[in-house]
Amino acid sequence: MVRLATFDGIKVYIYPGEHPPPHVHVIYAEFVALVTIEPAKIDKGHLPVSIERRVIEWVTDHRDQLLEAWLTIGNKQKPEKLL
């Protein structure tokens, strides 16, 4: 698992060898969610409403970088961390 970003106590990961569609795993406190990148939405799991809104906004804002990271890790390379 590769941590791409940490912000506001939210950790964003991509796991090597994952299945489509492109997505990230988000951990906030005891909450865990799988978030698709395009469109940005919670696919599995649960986050508090305010955190879910923040995550969806962040994924939308970083869409291109996240898709690039998805392809990079799919090619067995380490993606750059996002700020």
PDB file of N, CA and C in Angstrom:
ATOM      1  N   MET A   1       0.843  -1.159   0.000  1.00  0.00           N
ATOM      2  CA  MET A   1       0.000   0.000   0.000  1.00  0.00           C
ATOM      3  C   MET A   1       0.895   1.229   0.000  1.00  0.00           C
ATOM      4  N   VAL A   2       0.501   2.217  -0.793  1.00  0.00           N
ATOM      5  CA  VAL A   2       1.272   3.443  -0.929  1.00  0.00           C
ATOM      6  C   VAL A   2       0.411   4.607  -0.450  1.00  0.00           C
ATOM      7  N   ARG A   3       0.925   5.342   0.526  1.00  0.00           N
ATOM      8  CA  ARG A   3       0.191   6.517   0.996  1.00  0.00           C
ATOM      9  C   ARG A   3       0.488   7.663   0.038  1.00  0.00           C
ATOM     10  N   LEU A   4      -0.566   8.194  -0.575  1.00  0.00           N
ATOM     11  CA  LEU A   4      -0.421   9.300  -1.510  1.00  0.00           C
ATOM     12  C   LEU A   4      -0.492  10.651  -0.830  1.00  0.00           C
ATOM     13  N   ALA A   5      -1.313  10.746   0.207  1.00  0.00           N
ATOM     14  CA  ALA A   5      -1.507  12.047   0.841  1.00  0.00           C
ATOM     15  C   ALA A   5      -2.068  11.877   2.244  1.00  0.00           C
ATOM     16  N   THR A   6      -1.820  12.892   3.052  1.00  0.00           N
ATOM     17  CA  THR A   6      -2.430  13.015   4.377  1.00  0.00           C
ATOM     18  C   THR A   6      -2.831  14.469   4.540  1.00  0.00           C
ATOM     19  N   PHE A   7      -4.089  14.711   4.882  1.00  0.00           N
ATOM     20  CA  PHE A   7      -4.563  16.065   5.106  1.00  0.00           C
ATOM     21  C   PHE A   7      -5.741  16.015   6.074  1.00  0.00           C
ATOM     22  N   ASP A   8      -5.797  16.961   6.957  1.00  0.00           N
ATOM     23  CA  ASP A   8      -6.902  17.067   7.921  1.00  0.00           C
ATOM     24  C   ASP A   8      -7.179  15.750   8.650  1.00  0.00           C
ATOM     25  N   GLY A   9      -6.137  14.965   8.916  1.00  0.00           N
ATOM     26  CA  GLY A   9      -6.311  13.678   9.589  1.00  0.00           C
ATOM     27  C   GLY A   9      -6.805  12.570   8.673  1.00  0.00           C
ATOM     28  N   ILE A  10      -6.900  12.856   7.378  1.00  0.00           N
ATOM     29  CA  ILE A  10      -7.380  11.902   6.374  1.00  0.00           C
ATOM     30  C   ILE A  10      -6.168  11.331   5.656  1.00  0.00           C
ATOM     31  N   LYS A  11      -6.116  10.007   5.533  1.00  0.00           N
ATOM     32  CA  LYS A  11      -5.018   9.340   4.837  1.00  0.00           C
ATOM     33  C   LYS A  11      -5.563   8.717   3.556  1.00  0.00           C
ATOM     34  N   VAL A  12      -4.842   8.939   2.453  1.00  0.00           N
ATOM     35  CA  VAL A  12      -5.273   8.460   1.144  1.00  0.00           C
ATOM     36  C   VAL A  12      -4.226   7.479   0.620  1.00  0.00           C
ATOM     37  N   TYR A  13      -4.671   6.276   0.258  1.00  0.00           N
ATOM     38  CA  TYR A  13      -3.779   5.210  -0.194  1.00  0.00           C
ATOM     39  C   TYR A  13      -4.221   4.640  -1.543  1.00  0.00           C
ATOM     40  N   ILE A  14      -3.249   4.084  -2.273  1.00  0.00           N
ATOM     41  CA  ILE A  14      -3.522   3.206  -3.414  1.00  0.00           C
ATOM     42  C   ILE A  14      -2.791   1.909  -3.118  1.00  0.00           C
ATOM     43  N   TYR A  15      -3.462   0.810  -3.344  1.00  0.00           N
ATOM     44  CA  TYR A  15      -2.849  -0.499  -3.144  1.00  0.00           C
ATOM     45  C   TYR A  15      -2.358  -1.045  -4.477  1.00  0.00           C
ATOM     46  N   PRO A  16      -1.140  -1.581  -4.540  1.00  0.00           N
ATOM     47  CA  PRO A  16      -0.660  -2.207  -5.775  1.00  0.00           C
ATOM     48  C   PRO A  16      -1.542  -3.397  -6.158  1.00  0.00           C
ATOM     49  N   GLY A  17      -1.686  -3.627  -7.458  1.00  0.00           N
ATOM     50  CA  GLY A  17      -2.419  -4.785  -7.942  1.00  0.00           C
ATOM     51  C   GLY A  17      -3.915  -4.690  -7.764  1.00  0.00           C
ATOM     52  N   GLU A  18      -4.450  -3.502  -7.646  1.00  0.00           N
ATOM     53  CA  GLU A  18      -5.883  -3.327  -7.426  1.00  0.00           C
ATOM     54  C   GLU A  18      -6.688  -3.521  -8.702  1.00  0.00           C
ATOM     55  N   HIS A  19      -7.969  -3.695  -8.525  1.00  0.00           N
ATOM     56  CA  HIS A  19      -8.927  -3.908  -9.596  1.00  0.00           C
ATOM     57  C   HIS A  19      -9.494  -2.570 -10.064  1.00  0.00           C
ATOM     58  N   PRO A  20      -9.924  -2.492 -11.338  1.00  0.00           N
ATOM     59  CA  PRO A  20     -10.610  -1.290 -11.799  1.00  0.00           C
ATOM     60  C   PRO A  20     -11.980  -1.181 -11.135  1.00  0.00           C
ATOM     61  N   PRO A  21     -12.629  -0.070 -11.128  1.00  0.00           N
ATOM     62  CA  PRO A  21     -12.200   1.209 -11.678  1.00  0.00           C
ATOM     63  C   PRO A  21     -11.151   1.869 -10.784  1.00  0.00           C
ATOM     64  N   PRO A  22     -10.418   2.834 -11.335  1.00  0.00           N
ATOM     65  CA  PRO A  22      -9.417   3.529 -10.522  1.00  0.00           C
ATOM     66  C   PRO A  22     -10.059   4.104  -9.259  1.00  0.00           C
ATOM     67  N   HIS A  23      -9.408   3.848  -8.129  1.00  0.00           N
ATOM     68  CA  HIS A  23      -9.947   4.293  -6.849  1.00  0.00           C
ATOM     69  C   HIS A  23      -8.831   4.450  -5.835  1.00  0.00           C
ATOM     70  N   VAL A  24      -9.168   5.079  -4.728  1.00  0.00           N
ATOM     71  CA  VAL A  24      -8.250   5.207  -3.599  1.00  0.00           C
ATOM     72  C   VAL A  24      -8.946   4.690  -2.356  1.00  0.00           C
ATOM     73  N   HIS A  25      -8.158   4.357  -1.362  1.00  0.00           N
ATOM     74  CA  HIS A  25      -8.661   3.943  -0.061  1.00  0.00           C
ATOM     75  C   HIS A  25      -8.415   5.106   0.892  1.00  0.00           C
ATOM     76  N   VAL A  26      -9.431   5.454   1.646  1.00  0.00           N
ATOM     77  CA  VAL A  26      -9.353   6.593   2.561  1.00  0.00           C
ATOM     78  C   VAL A  26      -9.599   6.095   3.981  1.00  0.00           C
ATOM     79  N   ILE A  27      -8.733   6.542   4.890  1.00  0.00           N
ATOM     80  CA  ILE A  27      -8.879   6.207   6.301  1.00  0.00           C
ATOM     81  C   ILE A  27      -8.950   7.506   7.087  1.00  0.00           C
ATOM     82  N   TYR A  28      -9.961   7.598   7.921  1.00  0.00           N
ATOM     83  CA  TYR A  28     -10.118   8.734   8.823  1.00  0.00           C
ATOM     84  C   TYR A  28     -10.579   8.170  10.164  1.00  0.00           C
ATOM     85  N   ALA A  29      -9.735   8.301  11.180  1.00  0.00           N
ATOM     86  CA  ALA A  29     -10.028   7.726  12.501  1.00  0.00           C
ATOM     87  C   ALA A  29     -10.381   6.256  12.322  1.00  0.00           C
ATOM     88  N   GLU A  30     -11.558   5.819  12.778  1.00  0.00           N
ATOM     89  CA  GLU A  30     -11.936   4.404  12.643  1.00  0.00           C
ATOM     90  C   GLU A  30     -12.730   4.139  11.368  1.00  0.00           C
ATOM     91  N   PHE A  31     -12.883   5.155  10.521  1.00  0.00           N
ATOM     92  CA  PHE A  31     -13.671   5.033   9.295  1.00  0.00           C
ATOM     93  C   PHE A  31     -12.778   4.687   8.107  1.00  0.00           C
ATOM     94  N   VAL A  32     -13.298   3.835   7.232  1.00  0.00           N
ATOM     95  CA  VAL A  32     -12.573   3.419   6.034  1.00  0.00           C
ATOM     96  C   VAL A  32     -13.532   3.474   4.856  1.00  0.00           C
ATOM     97  N   ALA A  33     -13.048   3.978   3.717  1.00  0.00           N
ATOM     98  CA  ALA A  33     -13.891   4.042   2.526  1.00  0.00           C
ATOM     99  C   ALA A  33     -13.046   3.825   1.283  1.00  0.00           C
ATOM    100  N   LEU A  34     -13.671   3.255   0.268  1.00  0.00           N
ATOM    101  CA  LEU A  34     -13.083   3.137  -1.052  1.00  0.00           C
ATOM    102  C   LEU A  34     -13.765   4.213  -1.887  1.00  0.00           C
ATOM    103  N   VAL A  35     -12.956   5.078  -2.514  1.00  0.00           N
ATOM    104  CA  VAL A  35     -13.484   6.226  -3.249  1.00  0.00           C
ATOM    105  C   VAL A  35     -13.047   6.128  -4.701  1.00  0.00           C
ATOM    106  N   THR A  36     -14.011   6.058  -5.621  1.00  0.00           N
ATOM    107  CA  THR A  36     -13.651   6.057  -7.039  1.00  0.00           C
ATOM    108  C   THR A  36     -13.154   7.444  -7.416  1.00  0.00           C
ATOM    109  N   ILE A  37     -12.248   7.467  -8.397  1.00  0.00           N
ATOM    110  CA  ILE A  37     -11.638   8.731  -8.803  1.00  0.00           C
ATOM    111  C   ILE A  37     -12.514   9.467  -9.814  1.00  0.00           C
ATOM    112  N   GLU A  38     -13.090   8.713 -10.749  1.00  0.00           N
ATOM    113  CA  GLU A  38     -13.927   9.326 -11.792  1.00  0.00           C
ATOM    114  C   GLU A  38     -15.165   8.491 -11.999  1.00  0.00           C
ATOM    115  N   PRO A  39     -16.316   8.899 -11.536  1.00  0.00           N
ATOM    116  CA  PRO A  39     -16.559  10.121 -10.771  1.00  0.00           C
ATOM    117  C   PRO A  39     -16.131   9.943  -9.317  1.00  0.00           C
ATOM    118  N   ALA A  40     -15.839  11.044  -8.670  1.00  0.00           N
ATOM    119  CA  ALA A  40     -15.430  11.016  -7.261  1.00  0.00           C
ATOM    120  C   ALA A  40     -16.647  10.704  -6.407  1.00  0.00           C
ATOM    121  N   LYS A  41     -16.663   9.480  -5.841  1.00  0.00           N
ATOM    122  CA  LYS A  41     -17.787   9.087  -4.974  1.00  0.00           C
ATOM    123  C   LYS A  41     -17.365   7.933  -4.085  1.00  0.00           C
ATOM    124  N   ILE A  42     -18.029   7.803  -2.961  1.00  0.00           N
ATOM    125  CA  ILE A  42     -17.801   6.679  -2.060  1.00  0.00           C
ATOM    126  C   ILE A  42     -18.407   5.441  -2.713  1.00  0.00           C
ATOM    127  N   ASP A  43     -17.584   4.424  -2.925  1.00  0.00           N
ATOM    128  CA  ASP A  43     -18.068   3.183  -3.522  1.00  0.00           C
ATOM    129  C   ASP A  43     -18.373   2.142  -2.444  1.00  0.00           C
ATOM    130  N   LYS A  44     -17.528   2.095  -1.425  1.00  0.00           N
ATOM    131  CA  LYS A  44     -17.720   1.175  -0.305  1.00  0.00           C
ATOM    132  C   LYS A  44     -17.249   1.862   0.960  1.00  0.00           C
ATOM    133  N   GLY A  45     -17.806   1.441   2.075  1.00  0.00           N
ATOM    134  CA  GLY A  45     -17.396   1.993   3.354  1.00  0.00           C
ATOM    135  C   GLY A  45     -18.198   3.222   3.721  1.00  0.00           C
ATOM    136  N   HIS A  46     -17.678   3.946   4.712  1.00  0.00           N
ATOM    137  CA  HIS A  46     -18.426   5.074   5.263  1.00  0.00           C
ATOM    138  C   HIS A  46     -17.453   6.068   5.881  1.00  0.00           C
ATOM    139  N   LEU A  47     -17.766   7.346   5.714  1.00  0.00           N
ATOM    140  CA  LEU A  47     -17.040   8.433   6.366  1.00  0.00           C
ATOM    141  C   LEU A  47     -18.064   9.383   6.967  1.00  0.00           C
ATOM    142  N   PRO A  48     -17.695  10.111   8.025  1.00  0.00           N
ATOM    143  CA  PRO A  48     -18.609  11.138   8.518  1.00  0.00           C
ATOM    144  C   PRO A  48     -18.936  12.116   7.378  1.00  0.00           C
ATOM    145  N   VAL A  49     -20.131  12.665   7.378  1.00  0.00           N
ATOM    146  CA  VAL A  49     -20.599  13.498   6.273  1.00  0.00           C
ATOM    147  C   VAL A  49     -19.633  14.639   5.954  1.00  0.00           C
ATOM    148  N   SER A  50     -19.158  15.349   6.952  1.00  0.00           N
ATOM    149  CA  SER A  50     -18.255  16.474   6.692  1.00  0.00           C
ATOM    150  C   SER A  50     -16.936  16.005   6.081  1.00  0.00           C
ATOM    151  N   ILE A  51     -16.454  14.850   6.515  1.00  0.00           N
ATOM    152  CA  ILE A  51     -15.212  14.295   5.969  1.00  0.00           C
ATOM    153  C   ILE A  51     -15.457  13.767   4.557  1.00  0.00           C
ATOM    154  N   GLU A  52     -16.599  13.139   4.336  1.00  0.00           N
ATOM    155  CA  GLU A  52     -16.926  12.654   2.991  1.00  0.00           C
ATOM    156  C   GLU A  52     -16.919  13.825   2.004  1.00  0.00           C
ATOM    157  N   ARG A  53     -17.546  14.932   2.361  1.00  0.00           N
ATOM    158  CA  ARG A  53     -17.551  16.106   1.480  1.00  0.00           C
ATOM    159  C   ARG A  53     -16.138  16.588   1.192  1.00  0.00           C
ATOM    160  N   ARG A  54     -15.316  16.634   2.222  1.00  0.00           N
ATOM    161  CA  ARG A  54     -13.920  17.091   2.066  1.00  0.00           C
ATOM    162  C   ARG A  54     -13.151  16.144   1.144  1.00  0.00           C
ATOM    163  N   VAL A  55     -13.329  14.839   1.327  1.00  0.00           N
ATOM    164  CA  VAL A  55     -12.632  13.843   0.506  1.00  0.00           C
ATOM    165  C   VAL A  55     -13.082  13.937  -0.952  1.00  0.00           C
ATOM    166  N   ILE A  56     -14.377  14.024  -1.194  1.00  0.00           N
ATOM    167  CA  ILE A  56     -14.882  14.120  -2.564  1.00  0.00           C
ATOM    168  C   ILE A  56     -14.332  15.375  -3.241  1.00  0.00           C
ATOM    169  N   GLU A  57     -14.310  16.474  -2.524  1.00  0.00           N
ATOM    170  CA  GLU A  57     -13.743  17.717  -3.060  1.00  0.00           C
ATOM    171  C   GLU A  57     -12.262  17.533  -3.388  1.00  0.00           C
ATOM    172  N   TRP A  58     -11.524  16.903  -2.482  1.00  0.00           N
ATOM    173  CA  TRP A  58     -10.086  16.703  -2.676  1.00  0.00           C
ATOM    174  C   TRP A  58      -9.825  15.776  -3.862  1.00  0.00           C
ATOM    175  N   VAL A  59     -10.562  14.679  -3.947  1.00  0.00           N
ATOM    176  CA  VAL A  59     -10.383  13.739  -5.071  1.00  0.00           C
ATOM    177  C   VAL A  59     -10.707  14.442  -6.388  1.00  0.00           C
ATOM    178  N   THR A  60     -11.755  15.226  -6.417  1.00  0.00           N
ATOM    179  CA  THR A  60     -12.116  15.976  -7.626  1.00  0.00           C
ATOM    180  C   THR A  60     -11.001  16.944  -8.007  1.00  0.00           C
ATOM    181  N   ASP A  61     -10.473  17.665  -7.030  1.00  0.00           N
ATOM    182  CA  ASP A  61      -9.406  18.640  -7.283  1.00  0.00           C
ATOM    183  C   ASP A  61      -8.109  17.982  -7.740  1.00  0.00           C
ATOM    184  N   HIS A  62      -7.869  16.735  -7.328  1.00  0.00           N
ATOM    185  CA  HIS A  62      -6.621  16.031  -7.643  1.00  0.00           C
ATOM    186  C   HIS A  62      -6.824  14.889  -8.645  1.00  0.00           C
ATOM    187  N   ARG A  63      -7.933  14.928  -9.366  1.00  0.00           N
ATOM    188  CA  ARG A  63      -8.309  13.852 -10.280  1.00  0.00           C
ATOM    189  C   ARG A  63      -7.162  13.430 -11.201  1.00  0.00           C
ATOM    190  N   ASP A  64      -6.566  14.365 -11.918  1.00  0.00           N
ATOM    191  CA  ASP A  64      -5.520  14.023 -12.883  1.00  0.00           C
ATOM    192  C   ASP A  64      -4.309  13.393 -12.203  1.00  0.00           C
ATOM    193  N   GLN A  65      -3.903  13.940 -11.067  1.00  0.00           N
ATOM    194  CA  GLN A  65      -2.762  13.391 -10.332  1.00  0.00           C
ATOM    195  C   GLN A  65      -3.070  11.990  -9.815  1.00  0.00           C
ATOM    196  N   LEU A  66      -4.304  11.768  -9.358  1.00  0.00           N
ATOM    197  CA  LEU A  66      -4.688  10.455  -8.846  1.00  0.00           C
ATOM    198  C   LEU A  66      -4.731   9.414  -9.961  1.00  0.00           C
ATOM    199  N   LEU A  67      -5.249   9.802 -11.119  1.00  0.00           N
ATOM    200  CA  LEU A  67      -5.266   8.867 -12.251  1.00  0.00           C
ATOM    201  C   LEU A  67      -3.850   8.540 -12.698  1.00  0.00           C
ATOM    202  N   GLU A  68      -2.967   9.526 -12.679  1.00  0.00           N
ATOM    203  CA  GLU A  68      -1.568   9.283 -13.013  1.00  0.00           C
ATOM    204  C   GLU A  68      -0.926   8.333 -11.996  1.00  0.00           C
ATOM    205  N   ALA A  69      -1.208   8.549 -10.727  1.00  0.00           N
ATOM    206  CA  ALA A  69      -0.678   7.661  -9.679  1.00  0.00           C
ATOM    207  C   ALA A  69      -1.215   6.247  -9.862  1.00  0.00           C
ATOM    208  N   TRP A  70      -2.490   6.110 -10.213  1.00  0.00           N
ATOM    209  CA  TRP A  70      -3.104   4.797 -10.458  1.00  0.00           C
ATOM    210  C   TRP A  70      -2.345   4.061 -11.569  1.00  0.00           C
ATOM    211  N   LEU A  71      -2.053   4.763 -12.672  1.00  0.00           N
ATOM    212  CA  LEU A  71      -1.327   4.150 -13.787  1.00  0.00           C
ATOM    213  C   LEU A  71       0.111   3.825 -13.394  1.00  0.00           C
ATOM    214  N   THR A  72       0.730   4.719 -12.649  1.00  0.00           N
ATOM    215  CA  THR A  72       2.119   4.516 -12.219  1.00  0.00           C
ATOM    216  C   THR A  72       2.244   3.273 -11.350  1.00  0.00           C
ATOM    217  N   ILE A  73       1.373   3.136 -10.375  1.00  0.00           N
ATOM    218  CA  ILE A  73       1.449   1.975  -9.483  1.00  0.00           C
ATOM    219  C   ILE A  73       1.064   0.697 -10.240  1.00  0.00           C
ATOM    220  N   GLY A  74       0.186   0.841 -11.245  1.00  0.00           N
ATOM    221  CA  GLY A  74      -0.161  -0.302 -12.085  1.00  0.00           C
ATOM    222  C   GLY A  74       1.020  -0.796 -12.909  1.00  0.00           C
ATOM    223  N   ASN A  75       1.962   0.099 -13.169  1.00  0.00           N
ATOM    224  CA  ASN A  75       3.193  -0.257 -13.889  1.00  0.00           C
ATOM    225  C   ASN A  75       4.316  -0.632 -12.934  1.00  0.00           C
ATOM    226  N   LYS A  76       3.939  -0.923 -11.697  1.00  0.00           N
ATOM    227  CA  LYS A  76       4.870  -1.364 -10.656  1.00  0.00           C
ATOM    228  C   LYS A  76       5.969  -0.330 -10.352  1.00  0.00           C
ATOM    229  N   GLN A  77       5.576   0.944 -10.417  1.00  0.00           N
ATOM    230  CA  GLN A  77       6.460   2.031 -10.040  1.00  0.00           C
ATOM    231  C   GLN A  77       5.833   2.763  -8.860  1.00  0.00           C
ATOM    232  N   LYS A  78       6.640   3.491  -8.149  1.00  0.00           N
ATOM    233  CA  LYS A  78       6.143   4.234  -6.986  1.00  0.00           C
ATOM    234  C   LYS A  78       5.662   5.606  -7.412  1.00  0.00           C
ATOM    235  N   PRO A  79       4.384   5.934  -7.158  1.00  0.00           N
ATOM    236  CA  PRO A  79       3.891   7.263  -7.519  1.00  0.00           C
ATOM    237  C   PRO A  79       4.401   8.331  -6.568  1.00  0.00           C
ATOM    238  N   GLU A  80       4.342   9.577  -7.052  1.00  0.00           N
ATOM    239  CA  GLU A  80       4.721  10.697  -6.201  1.00  0.00           C
ATOM    240  C   GLU A  80       3.628  10.983  -5.188  1.00  0.00           C
ATOM    241  N   LYS A  81       4.038  11.475  -4.042  1.00  0.00           N
ATOM    242  CA  LYS A  81       3.065  11.874  -3.023  1.00  0.00           C
ATOM    243  C   LYS A  81       2.369  13.147  -3.491  1.00  0.00           C
ATOM    244  N   LEU A  82       1.111  13.290  -3.124  1.00  0.00           N
ATOM    245  CA  LEU A  82       0.347  14.482  -3.467  1.00  0.00           C
ATOM    246  C   LEU A  82       0.261  15.389  -2.254  1.00  0.00           C
ATOM    247  N   LEU A  83       0.229  16.661  -2.507  1.00  0.00           N
ATOM    248  CA  LEU A  83       0.116  17.630  -1.415  1.00  0.00           C
ATOM    249  C   LEU A  83      -1.293  18.142  -1.321  1.00  0.00           C
TER     250      LEU A  83
END
